[in-house]
Each structure stands twice: as structure tokens, then as C-alpha cells.
Protein backbone atom coordinates (compact mmCIF):
# COMPACT_ATOMS: atom_id res chain seq x y z
CA ALA A 1 94.22 113.80 100.10
CA ILE A 2 90.57 113.67 101.13
CA THR A 3 87.86 110.99 100.98
CA TYR A 4 84.40 110.48 102.46
CA VAL A 5 82.04 107.90 103.93
CA PRO A 6 79.24 107.32 101.38
CA ASP A 7 75.64 108.05 102.36
CA SER A 8 72.33 107.19 100.71
CA ARG A 9 71.71 110.71 99.36
CA ALA A 10 75.23 111.31 97.95
CA ALA A 11 75.41 114.46 100.09
CA ASN A 12 78.71 113.37 101.66
CA LYS A 13 80.33 113.16 98.24
CA GLN A 14 79.11 116.64 97.30
CA GLU A 15 80.27 118.13 100.60
CA CYS A 16 83.63 116.36 100.28
CA GLU A 17 84.07 117.82 96.79
CA LEU A 18 83.51 121.30 98.24
CA LEU A 19 86.05 120.66 101.00
CA ALA A 20 88.58 119.30 98.52
CA GLU A 21 88.24 122.40 96.37
CA ALA A 22 88.37 124.81 99.31
CA LEU A 23 91.41 123.10 100.85
CA ASP A 24 93.09 122.34 97.51
CA LEU A 25 93.22 118.60 98.23
CA GLU A 26 93.11 115.63 95.89
CA MET A 27 89.83 113.74 96.41
CA PHE A 28 89.71 109.95 96.06
CA GLU A 29 87.01 107.35 96.55
CA TYR A 30 87.91 104.07 98.17
CA ILE A 31 84.65 103.23 99.96
CA THR A 32 81.53 102.15 98.08
CA THR A 33 78.18 101.13 99.48
CA ARG A 34 77.48 97.42 99.16
CA PRO A 35 74.57 96.78 96.75
CA GLY A 36 71.39 96.11 98.69
CA SER A 37 72.65 97.73 101.90
CA GLU A 38 69.79 100.26 101.75
CA SER A 39 67.37 97.45 102.58
CA MET A 40 69.47 96.04 105.45
CA THR A 41 68.12 96.26 108.96
CA LYS A 42 69.76 98.48 111.56
CA SER A 43 71.37 95.45 113.23
CA GLN A 44 72.76 94.22 109.89
CA THR A 45 74.38 97.58 109.07
CA THR A 46 75.78 97.96 112.58
CA GLU A 47 78.67 95.85 111.39
CA VAL A 48 80.44 98.33 109.08
CA GLY A 49 81.91 95.52 107.01
CA ASN A 50 78.39 94.54 105.92
CA LYS A 51 77.56 97.99 104.55
CA PHE A 52 80.72 99.06 102.71
CA ILE A 53 83.26 97.69 100.25
CA PHE A 54 86.81 99.01 100.71
CA ASN A 55 88.99 99.40 97.58
CA THR A 56 92.42 99.88 99.13
CA GLU A 57 94.02 100.08 95.66
CA ALA A 58 92.40 103.54 95.27
CA ILE A 59 94.26 104.98 98.29
CA PRO A 60 96.91 107.43 97.07
CA LYS A 61 100.43 106.63 98.26
CA GLY A 62 102.41 109.12 100.32
CA TYR A 63 99.55 111.38 101.45
CA ASN A 64 98.11 112.11 104.86
CA ILE A 65 94.35 111.57 104.76
CA LEU A 66 91.30 113.66 105.69
CA ILE A 67 88.06 111.66 105.93
CA TYR A 68 84.67 113.41 105.84
CA ASP A 69 81.43 112.04 107.28
CA ASP A 70 78.17 113.82 107.98
CA ALA A 71 77.61 112.42 111.46
CA MET A 72 79.40 110.56 114.24
CA LYS A 73 77.61 108.66 116.95
CA SER A 74 79.81 105.90 118.36
CA GLY A 75 82.82 106.44 116.10
CA MET A 76 82.66 102.82 114.92
CA THR A 77 82.28 103.72 111.21
CA LEU A 78 85.19 106.16 111.20
CA ASP A 79 87.37 103.75 113.14
CA LYS A 80 86.64 100.99 110.61
CA VAL A 81 87.27 103.14 107.52
CA CYS A 82 90.61 104.31 109.01
CA GLU A 83 91.97 100.78 109.44
CA PRO A 84 93.30 100.29 105.87
CA PHE A 85 95.51 103.39 106.15
CA GLY A 86 97.78 101.80 108.75
CA ASP A 87 100.19 103.75 110.94
CA GLU A 88 102.46 105.14 108.23
CA ARG A 89 100.38 108.29 107.70
CA GLU A 90 98.24 110.74 109.63
CA VAL A 91 94.48 110.25 109.30
CA VAL A 92 92.08 112.95 110.50
CA ALA A 93 88.29 112.69 110.45
CA VAL A 94 86.01 115.69 110.01
CA VAL A 95 82.32 115.35 110.83
CA LYS A 96 79.48 117.80 110.32
CA THR A 97 77.41 116.63 113.31
CA LEU A 98 78.65 114.99 116.49
CA TYR A 99 76.10 113.36 118.77
CA PRO A 100 77.73 113.87 122.21
CA LEU A 101 75.02 112.04 124.16
CA HIS A 102 76.46 108.74 122.96
CA GLU A 103 79.47 107.15 124.59
CA LEU A 104 82.48 108.06 122.47
CA PRO A 105 85.73 106.13 122.18
CA ALA A 106 88.86 107.76 123.54
CA PRO A 107 90.69 109.44 120.65
CA SER A 108 94.07 108.11 119.61
CA THR A 109 96.92 109.99 118.06
CA LYS A 110 96.02 108.64 114.61
CA ARG A 111 92.21 108.68 114.70
CA LEU A 112 90.11 111.49 116.08
């Protein structure tokens, strides 16, 4: 199954739909943007919990998960959105742009 991290232009959803079709994966949405988060300051949205609402009921049971995001800087967003999946399944993140000049966390076997 595949999901995405929402962005303000809905481009991530469109790109995730293309990936789902190309890879023949079921797409699901479990992350929504908190109302009013567009007007939050950079320091307010640094805490991922302030920007997104996680609907864990929408996570399909028994699937490994592919998460799409358009960019990765510190890895904090992807790490946070992977938490609800637990250790019982494989979770792989795919990003369009990686900013390697930032300090990146060491990858684990469950989160890349």
C-alpha cells in the first residue's frame, strides 16, 4: 500500500496517485493537514504533530507501506509519520528531492 505526506499544493497526492498506478499499489490517506497550519510560523510547524492529523484507522491491515514525500531535509517528518505503523510491517519512504547539506539521521532497518 502507498500513502503520502500532504503538501499545500496537493502535488504530493497527485504524484502518489501516479506512483500507485505505476506500481499497482492500493493508495490510502491517513495524514491530513491541520486546519490553519498554512498560517503557522516555521517554528510552529517544526513540530510535526502541530501540522498534521493522523487517522490511524485508515491504515490498511497486513500491508507493507510505501510513503511518498516531495522533499527530505532532516527526516523528522518522515520519522514522525512512520511511527503509527509500528514494527510489524516494513515501511519505506520515497522522496523526490533530498537535501544532503543538512545533517541526516542514521537510517534504521524500518525507516529509510
